[in-house]
Protein backbone atom coordinates (compact mmCIF):
# COMPACT_ATOMS: atom_id res chain seq x y z
CA UNK A 1 23.79 2.63 1.36
CA UNK A 2 23.97 6.40 1.20
CA UNK A 3 20.20 7.02 1.08
CA UNK A 4 20.05 10.82 1.16
CA UNK A 5 22.08 14.01 1.21
CA UNK A 6 22.41 16.27 4.24
CA UNK A 7 19.95 19.02 5.18
CA UNK A 8 16.69 17.16 4.50
CA UNK A 9 13.96 19.52 5.68
CA UNK A 10 12.18 17.20 8.14
CA UNK A 11 15.39 16.34 9.95
CA UNK A 12 16.46 19.98 10.19
CA UNK A 13 13.00 21.06 11.34
CA UNK A 14 12.52 18.36 13.97
CA UNK A 15 16.08 17.58 15.03
CA UNK A 16 16.96 14.38 16.86
CA UNK A 17 13.58 13.63 18.42
CA UNK A 18 14.57 10.40 20.17
CA UNK A 19 17.60 8.15 20.25
CA UNK A 20 18.08 4.67 21.64
CA UNK A 21 21.05 2.64 22.87
CA UNK A 22 22.78 0.03 20.76
CA UNK A 23 22.24 -3.63 21.61
CA UNK A 24 24.83 -4.70 24.19
CA UNK A 25 23.30 -8.00 25.31
CA UNK A 26 21.61 -11.05 23.83
CA UNK A 27 17.90 -10.53 23.26
CA UNK A 28 14.99 -12.96 23.00
CA UNK A 29 11.68 -11.75 21.63
CA UNK A 30 8.62 -12.88 19.72
CA UNK A 31 9.19 -10.57 16.77
CA UNK A 32 12.24 -8.66 15.60
CA UNK A 33 11.79 -5.74 13.20
CA UNK A 34 14.82 -4.70 11.17
CA UNK A 35 14.46 -1.03 10.30
CA UNK A 36 13.24 1.87 12.46
CA UNK A 37 12.06 4.19 9.69
CA UNK A 38 8.40 4.86 8.95
CA UNK A 39 7.85 1.34 7.59
CA UNK A 40 9.39 -0.49 10.53
CA UNK A 41 7.69 1.87 12.97
CA UNK A 42 4.24 1.26 11.47
CA UNK A 43 4.75 -2.51 11.41
CA UNK A 44 6.07 -2.57 14.98
CA UNK A 45 3.24 -0.34 16.22
CA UNK A 46 0.57 -2.62 14.77
CA UNK A 47 2.30 -5.68 16.20
CA UNK A 48 2.60 -4.11 19.65
CA UNK A 49 -1.08 -3.21 19.61
CA UNK A 50 -1.84 -6.83 18.75
CA UNK A 51 -0.05 -7.87 21.95
CA UNK A 52 3.23 -9.21 20.58
CA UNK A 53 6.60 -8.70 22.25
CA UNK A 54 8.66 -6.73 19.73
CA UNK A 55 12.30 -5.64 19.38
CA UNK A 56 13.17 -3.01 16.76
CA UNK A 57 16.72 -2.52 15.52
CA UNK A 58 18.34 -0.09 13.11
CA UNK A 59 21.94 0.32 12.04
CA UNK A 60 21.44 4.11 12.05
CA UNK A 61 19.52 6.32 14.44
CA UNK A 62 15.78 5.73 14.15
CA UNK A 63 14.21 7.47 11.17
CA UNK A 64 17.54 8.74 9.83
CA UNK A 65 17.48 6.88 6.53
CA UNK A 66 15.01 7.53 3.73
CA UNK A 67 12.29 8.54 6.19
CA UNK A 68 14.05 11.82 7.02
CA UNK A 69 14.08 12.68 3.31
CA UNK A 70 10.51 11.64 2.48
CA UNK A 71 8.34 14.34 0.92
CA UNK A 72 5.28 12.51 2.31
CA UNK A 73 2.58 13.12 -0.27
CA UNK A 74 -0.15 10.61 0.54
CA UNK A 75 -2.09 9.60 -2.55
CA UNK A 76 -4.22 6.63 -3.48
CA UNK A 77 -2.98 6.98 -7.06
CA UNK A 78 -0.08 4.59 -7.63
CA UNK A 79 2.89 5.58 -9.82
CA UNK A 80 1.49 3.17 -12.40
CA UNK A 81 -1.83 4.52 -13.76
CA UNK A 82 -4.81 2.23 -13.21
CA UNK A 83 -5.23 1.51 -16.93
CA UNK A 84 -1.60 0.35 -17.13
CA UNK A 85 -1.73 -1.56 -13.85
CA UNK A 86 -4.75 -3.52 -15.10
CA UNK A 87 -2.64 -4.74 -18.03
CA UNK A 88 0.11 -5.83 -15.63
CA UNK A 89 -1.81 -7.49 -12.77
CA UNK A 90 -5.43 -7.79 -13.92
CA UNK A 91 -8.41 -5.54 -13.19
CA UNK A 92 -9.39 -7.05 -9.84
CA UNK A 93 -5.92 -6.75 -8.31
CA UNK A 94 -5.26 -3.35 -9.85
CA UNK A 95 -8.49 -1.82 -8.55
CA UNK A 96 -7.98 -3.42 -5.14
CA UNK A 97 -4.47 -1.94 -4.96
CA UNK A 98 -5.90 1.53 -5.54
CA UNK A 99 -8.60 0.89 -2.95
CA UNK A 100 -6.01 -0.24 -0.41
CA UNK A 101 -4.06 2.98 -0.85
CA UNK A 102 -7.21 5.04 -0.37
CA UNK A 103 -8.09 3.10 2.78
CA UNK A 104 -4.51 3.52 4.03
CA UNK A 105 -4.81 7.32 3.89
CA UNK A 106 -7.84 7.15 6.18
CA UNK A 107 -6.07 4.69 8.49
CA UNK A 108 -3.02 6.97 8.69
CA UNK A 109 -5.26 9.90 9.56
CA UNK A 110 -6.73 7.93 12.47
CA UNK A 111 -3.24 6.99 13.65
CA UNK A 112 -1.89 10.55 13.40
CA UNK A 113 -4.89 11.91 15.32
CA UNK A 114 -3.59 10.03 18.37
CA UNK A 115 -0.49 12.20 18.61
CA UNK A 116 0.20 15.81 19.47
CA UNK A 117 0.44 17.88 16.31
CA UNK A 118 -0.91 14.90 14.34
CA UNK A 119 2.56 14.46 12.78
CA UNK A 120 1.69 17.27 10.38
CA UNK A 121 -1.14 15.22 8.88
CA UNK A 122 -3.59 17.28 6.84
CA UNK A 123 -6.15 16.05 4.33
CA UNK A 124 -5.51 17.61 0.95
CA UNK A 125 -7.16 17.25 -2.45
CA UNK A 126 -4.93 15.92 -5.22
CA UNK A 127 -4.62 17.34 -8.73
CA UNK A 128 -2.83 15.45 -11.51
CA UNK A 129 -2.55 17.55 -14.65
CA UNK A 130 -1.71 16.48 -18.19
CA UNK A 131 1.86 17.49 -18.97
CA UNK A 132 1.12 17.63 -22.70
CA UNK A 133 -1.85 17.39 -25.08
CA UNK A 134 -0.84 13.86 -26.02
CA UNK A 135 -1.57 12.79 -22.41
CA UNK A 136 -5.23 13.87 -22.50
CA UNK A 137 -6.62 10.67 -24.05
CA UNK A 138 -4.89 8.54 -21.41
CA UNK A 139 -6.14 10.87 -18.67
CA UNK A 140 -9.71 10.45 -19.96
CA UNK A 141 -9.24 6.68 -20.03
CA UNK A 142 -7.93 6.80 -16.45
CA UNK A 143 -10.86 8.94 -15.34
CA UNK A 144 -13.44 6.56 -16.82
CA UNK A 145 -11.83 3.50 -15.26
CA UNK A 146 -11.58 5.01 -11.80
CA UNK A 147 -15.10 6.46 -11.96
CA UNK A 148 -16.55 3.11 -13.02
CA UNK A 149 -14.81 1.45 -10.09
CA UNK A 150 -16.26 3.79 -7.48
CA UNK A 151 -13.47 6.32 -7.00
CA UNK A 152 -14.66 9.87 -6.46
CA UNK A 153 -12.87 12.28 -8.77
CA UNK A 154 -13.52 15.00 -11.33
CA UNK A 155 -12.24 15.49 -14.86
CA UNK A 156 -11.20 19.10 -15.53
CA UNK A 157 -10.74 20.46 -19.05
CA UNK A 158 -8.17 23.14 -19.87
CA UNK A 159 -10.57 26.00 -19.02
CA UNK A 160 -11.42 24.53 -15.62
CA UNK A 161 -7.72 24.05 -14.83
CA UNK A 162 -6.84 27.63 -15.74
CA UNK A 163 -9.86 29.18 -14.02
CA UNK A 164 -9.30 27.21 -10.81
CA UNK A 165 -5.54 26.81 -10.57
CA UNK A 166 -4.33 29.86 -12.48
CA UNK A 167 -2.00 27.92 -14.77
CA UNK A 168 -2.48 26.27 -18.15
CA UNK A 169 -2.72 22.51 -18.66
CA UNK A 170 -4.65 20.54 -21.29
CA UNK A 171 -6.65 18.61 -18.65
CA UNK A 172 -6.47 17.29 -15.09
CA UNK A 173 -7.94 14.81 -12.62
CA UNK A 174 -9.05 16.26 -9.29
CA UNK A 175 -9.62 14.03 -6.26
CA UNK A 176 -10.57 14.91 -2.69
CA UNK A 177 -8.73 11.86 -1.34
CA UNK A 178 -5.16 12.86 -0.50
CA UNK A 179 -3.06 14.11 2.40
CA UNK A 180 0.33 15.39 3.49
CA UNK A 181 2.32 14.65 6.63
CA UNK A 182 5.71 14.51 8.36
CA UNK A 183 6.86 10.90 8.11
CA UNK A 184 9.94 11.45 10.28
CA UNK A 185 7.86 12.80 13.17
CA UNK A 186 5.24 10.07 12.86
CA UNK A 187 7.92 7.38 12.95
CA UNK A 188 9.16 8.73 16.28
CA UNK A 189 5.62 9.03 17.67
CA UNK A 190 4.99 5.40 16.77
CA UNK A 191 8.27 4.18 18.25
CA UNK A 192 7.55 6.09 21.47
CA UNK A 193 4.18 4.39 21.68
CA UNK A 194 5.84 1.01 21.08
CA UNK A 195 8.12 1.66 24.07
CA UNK A 196 5.04 2.28 26.23
CA UNK A 197 3.70 -1.09 25.13
CA UNK A 198 6.90 -2.86 26.16
CA UNK A 199 8.91 -2.88 22.95
CA UNK A 200 12.70 -2.67 22.93
CA UNK A 201 14.39 -0.34 20.42
CA UNK A 202 18.08 -0.35 19.54
CA UNK A 203 19.89 2.23 17.39
CA UNK A 204 23.36 1.74 15.85
CA UNK A 205 22.83 -2.02 15.75
CA UNK A 206 23.95 -3.57 12.49
CA UNK A 207 22.93 -7.13 11.67
CA UNK A 208 25.87 -9.12 10.35
CA UNK A 209 24.13 -12.45 9.72
CA UNK A 210 20.68 -14.04 9.75
CA UNK A 211 20.24 -17.75 10.48
CA UNK A 212 16.86 -19.36 9.87
CA UNK A 213 15.83 -22.35 11.98
CA UNK A 214 12.74 -24.53 11.76
CA UNK A 215 10.67 -22.38 14.11
CA UNK A 216 12.87 -19.39 14.91
CA UNK A 217 15.35 -16.90 13.45
CA UNK A 218 18.66 -15.80 14.96
CA UNK A 219 20.22 -12.44 14.15
CA UNK A 220 23.86 -11.83 14.93
CA UNK A 221 24.99 -8.22 15.23
CA UNK A 222 28.28 -6.66 14.25
CA UNK A 223 29.46 -6.60 17.87
CA UNK A 224 28.60 -10.27 18.46
CA UNK A 225 25.22 -9.96 20.19
CA UNK A 226 22.34 -12.27 19.23
CA UNK A 227 18.62 -11.74 18.85
CA UNK A 228 16.43 -14.82 18.85
CA UNK A 229 12.87 -14.42 17.59
CA UNK A 230 9.92 -16.43 16.34
CA UNK A 231 9.34 -14.05 13.44
CA UNK A 232 11.57 -11.56 11.64
CA UNK A 233 10.23 -8.54 9.76
CA UNK A 234 12.65 -7.00 7.27
CA UNK A 235 11.68 -3.35 6.81
CA UNK A 236 15.03 -1.92 5.71
CA UNK A 237 13.71 -0.16 2.64
CA UNK A 238 16.01 -0.17 -0.36
CA UNK A 239 18.74 -1.97 1.58
CA UNK A 240 16.47 -5.02 1.86
CA UNK A 241 17.46 -6.22 -1.62
CA UNK A 242 20.54 -7.94 -0.16
CA UNK A 243 18.24 -10.42 1.62
CA UNK A 244 16.27 -11.36 -1.50
CA UNK A 245 17.67 -13.71 -4.19
CA UNK A 246 15.79 -12.11 -7.11
CA UNK A 247 16.05 -8.46 -8.12
CA UNK A 248 12.88 -6.61 -7.14
CA UNK A 249 13.95 -2.94 -7.19
CA UNK A 250 15.37 -0.40 -9.60
CA UNK A 251 17.17 2.46 -7.87
CA UNK A 252 16.78 6.12 -8.81
CA UNK A 253 17.85 9.50 -7.46
CA UNK A 254 15.30 12.21 -6.71
CA UNK A 255 15.46 15.85 -5.66
CA UNK A 256 13.42 18.23 -3.51
CA UNK A 257 13.48 21.77 -2.15
CA UNK A 258 11.50 23.60 0.52
CA UNK A 259 11.03 27.36 0.32
CA UNK A 260 11.31 30.00 2.97
CA UNK A 261 8.02 30.53 4.87
CA UNK A 262 5.29 32.10 2.77
CA UNK A 263 2.46 34.46 3.82
CA UNK A 264 -0.12 32.59 5.89
CA UNK A 265 -2.78 32.18 3.23
CA UNK A 266 -4.07 29.78 0.62
CA UNK A 267 -1.25 29.72 -1.92
CA UNK A 268 -3.27 27.98 -4.63
CA UNK A 269 -6.64 26.25 -4.79
CA UNK A 270 -7.13 24.53 -1.43
CA UNK A 271 -3.34 24.06 -1.27
CA UNK A 272 -3.94 20.76 -3.05
CA UNK A 273 -1.22 18.27 -3.87
CA UNK A 274 -0.11 18.92 -7.45
CA UNK A 275 1.60 16.45 -9.76
CA UNK A 276 1.70 15.69 -13.46
CA UNK A 277 1.43 12.85 -15.94
CA UNK A 278 5.03 13.04 -17.19
CA UNK A 279 7.62 10.51 -16.02
CA UNK A 280 9.42 11.53 -13.93
CA UNK A 281 6.81 13.93 -12.61
CA UNK A 282 7.06 17.31 -10.95
CA UNK A 283 5.08 17.61 -7.70
CA UNK A 284 4.24 20.33 -5.17
CA UNK A 285 2.74 20.58 -1.68
CA UNK A 286 2.73 22.90 1.30
CA UNK A 287 3.99 22.34 4.86
CA UNK A 288 2.51 23.09 8.28
CA UNK A 289 4.78 26.15 8.63
CA UNK A 290 3.51 27.48 5.30
CA UNK A 291 6.43 26.63 3.09
CA UNK A 292 6.25 25.24 -0.43
CA UNK A 293 7.81 21.89 -1.24
CA UNK A 294 8.69 21.12 -4.85
CA UNK A 295 10.20 17.82 -5.94
CA UNK A 296 11.00 15.58 -8.89
CA UNK A 297 13.58 15.68 -11.71
CA UNK A 298 14.53 12.07 -10.99
CA UNK A 299 17.67 10.47 -12.41
CA UNK A 300 17.88 6.79 -13.29
CA UNK A 301 20.98 5.98 -11.27
CA UNK A 302 22.24 5.27 -7.77
CA UNK A 303 25.47 7.21 -7.34
CA UNK A 304 25.45 9.33 -4.15
CA UNK A 305 28.35 11.64 -5.05
CA UNK A 306 27.00 12.28 -8.53
CA UNK A 307 23.48 12.72 -7.11
CA UNK A 308 24.51 15.23 -4.44
CA UNK A 309 26.63 17.21 -6.90
CA UNK A 310 23.46 17.92 -8.86
CA UNK A 311 21.43 19.38 -5.97
CA UNK A 312 22.18 23.04 -6.72
CA UNK A 313 21.33 22.75 -10.42
CA UNK A 314 18.25 20.64 -9.71
CA UNK A 315 17.03 23.19 -7.16
CA UNK A 316 17.26 25.97 -9.74
CA UNK A 317 15.29 23.84 -12.19
CA UNK A 318 12.63 23.03 -9.57
CA UNK A 319 12.20 26.74 -8.83
CA UNK A 320 12.04 27.53 -12.56
CA UNK A 321 9.40 24.84 -13.14
CA UNK A 322 7.38 26.11 -10.19
CA UNK A 323 7.57 29.68 -11.48
CA UNK A 324 6.19 28.55 -14.84
CA UNK A 325 3.05 27.46 -13.05
CA UNK A 326 2.87 30.21 -10.41
CA UNK A 327 4.84 33.29 -11.58
CA UNK A 328 3.10 35.46 -8.97
CA UNK A 329 4.27 33.34 -6.03
CA UNK A 330 7.89 34.29 -5.29
CA UNK A 331 9.69 31.37 -3.67
CA UNK A 332 13.19 31.37 -2.22
CA UNK A 333 14.80 27.96 -1.55
CA UNK A 334 15.61 27.38 2.11
CA UNK A 335 16.32 23.65 2.19
CA UNK A 336 17.32 21.37 -0.67
CA UNK A 337 18.29 17.74 -0.70
CA UNK A 338 18.48 14.57 -2.75
CA UNK A 339 17.54 11.01 -1.96
CA UNK A 340 17.45 7.49 -3.29
CA UNK A 341 14.22 5.71 -4.07
CA UNK A 342 13.29 2.46 -5.77
CA UNK A 343 10.65 1.50 -8.29
CA UNK A 344 9.25 -1.95 -9.04
CA UNK A 345 8.14 -3.64 -12.24
CA UNK A 346 4.47 -2.72 -11.69
CA UNK A 347 4.62 0.11 -9.16
CA UNK A 348 3.35 -2.14 -6.35
CA UNK A 349 5.14 -2.93 -3.07
CA UNK A 350 6.51 -6.29 -2.01
CA UNK A 351 4.82 -7.59 1.13
CA UNK A 352 5.09 -11.13 2.45
CA UNK A 353 7.47 -14.07 2.56
CA UNK A 354 9.88 -15.91 0.31
CA UNK A 355 10.72 -19.61 0.45
CA UNK A 356 14.42 -18.98 1.12
CA UNK A 357 13.74 -17.13 4.41
CA UNK A 358 11.30 -19.03 6.64
CA UNK A 359 9.60 -17.27 9.59
CA UNK A 360 10.33 -13.97 7.87
CA UNK A 361 8.17 -11.27 6.32
CA UNK A 362 9.23 -8.37 4.11
CA UNK A 363 7.60 -4.94 4.24
CA UNK A 364 8.94 -3.11 1.20
CA UNK A 365 6.93 0.00 0.33
CA UNK A 366 8.82 1.04 -2.77
CA UNK A 367 7.79 3.90 -5.05
CA UNK A 368 5.91 7.15 -4.60
CA UNK A 369 3.34 5.51 -2.31
CA UNK A 370 5.88 4.26 0.20
CA UNK A 371 4.02 5.43 3.31
CA UNK A 372 0.58 4.16 2.28
CA UNK A 373 2.22 0.88 1.17
CA UNK A 374 3.87 0.66 4.59
CA UNK A 375 0.50 1.00 6.31
CA UNK A 376 -0.88 -1.78 4.11
CA UNK A 377 2.15 -3.95 4.95
CA UNK A 378 1.73 -3.32 8.68
CA UNK A 379 -1.90 -4.42 8.62
CA UNK A 380 -1.37 -7.48 6.44
CA UNK A 381 1.76 -8.77 8.18
CA UNK A 382 0.15 -8.36 11.60
CA UNK A 383 -2.90 -10.31 10.41
CA UNK A 384 -0.69 -13.07 8.96
CA UNK A 385 1.32 -13.48 12.18
CA UNK A 386 -1.93 -13.60 14.17
CA UNK A 387 -2.92 -16.53 11.97
CA UNK A 388 -5.48 -14.67 9.88
CA UNK A 389 -3.69 -13.96 6.60
CA UNK A 390 -5.72 -11.82 4.21
CA UNK A 391 -6.28 -13.37 0.78
CA UNK A 392 -5.30 -10.07 -0.83
CA UNK A 393 -1.77 -10.49 0.50
CA UNK A 394 -1.07 -12.33 -2.75
CA UNK A 395 -1.50 -9.05 -4.69
CA UNK A 396 1.82 -7.85 -3.27
CA UNK A 397 3.63 -11.20 -3.12
CA UNK A 398 7.08 -11.89 -4.53
CA UNK A 399 5.73 -14.46 -7.00
CA UNK A 400 3.00 -12.29 -8.50
């Protein structure tokens, strides 16, 4: 799949951090991880720390797929509001899903603190504003539900929004639990740490076939090499659908731009993450080199040529929408790109196994919470392989 356009900011900023050879021999390992983006890197890192022998393979260079295009807003709020998620999966599972995402932000902070520069990780408050007056009642309902379930957040009326943020909105929810980071850099930090723990990593290694045996799995690559493993983890993002008999994803196109560097100051209140209630939603964040990132304007199609042809027009619209909120902050686009992302029926990831692929786990962090979902997947899959599966794994199962 063509997952993104050229000139994604994180790739241009960081360059080719690390590269690995392709697989040119047969390999035998305990666990094979397909996919060396942020999801595969997190899963592999947790498995290596648990003492497993791991081989990681990717048909591209590591991190060069969707990870390089990720805008990396870390939020505990799932794309599906809690009041809607309760209707889809029940209150217990819905609340636990939100709790997991909150816990994942803290876990990612601890992981990032291990590395130089912390992979751009910075705690940030999160502000979701009502896009229209008709959204206020749902926002109040959301506030009450989250508050009653122990989440710390504030409800802001229109005056509080304008006085604090400087723009008008009918209402908003403000939470201290959020963060921003550089997913591409973290993926490479994690893979480097995996190497130190004895893992093997292979770039430019495309799997042509997967054969499941009673106790093992054999992967055959495009150039005829074989990887034998006890467990296979499929962490190929949106390309994982080909290995699943039922449809679990709906593909979309999304757009983002990063401005030229801004004056080194607080650009808006605490430089919080900003997003809205509309679907698709506009969102904003800052970067470690004091740029402004604006994204959204999603299209409901997967068509790379059509998607990329819209980048210029979408960038103009992103700038215009930003200027409506902050007319006194002059931004000039410096990087702009488009990418593919997938949504699910309830906004939750798919983590776990399917009957048709024994000795195999999927780590599919679809949606706007892809990175926090990937952290959850890494923890739960590692626990399952160690023989201590968490009962909450069923929340994200394929048969939910």
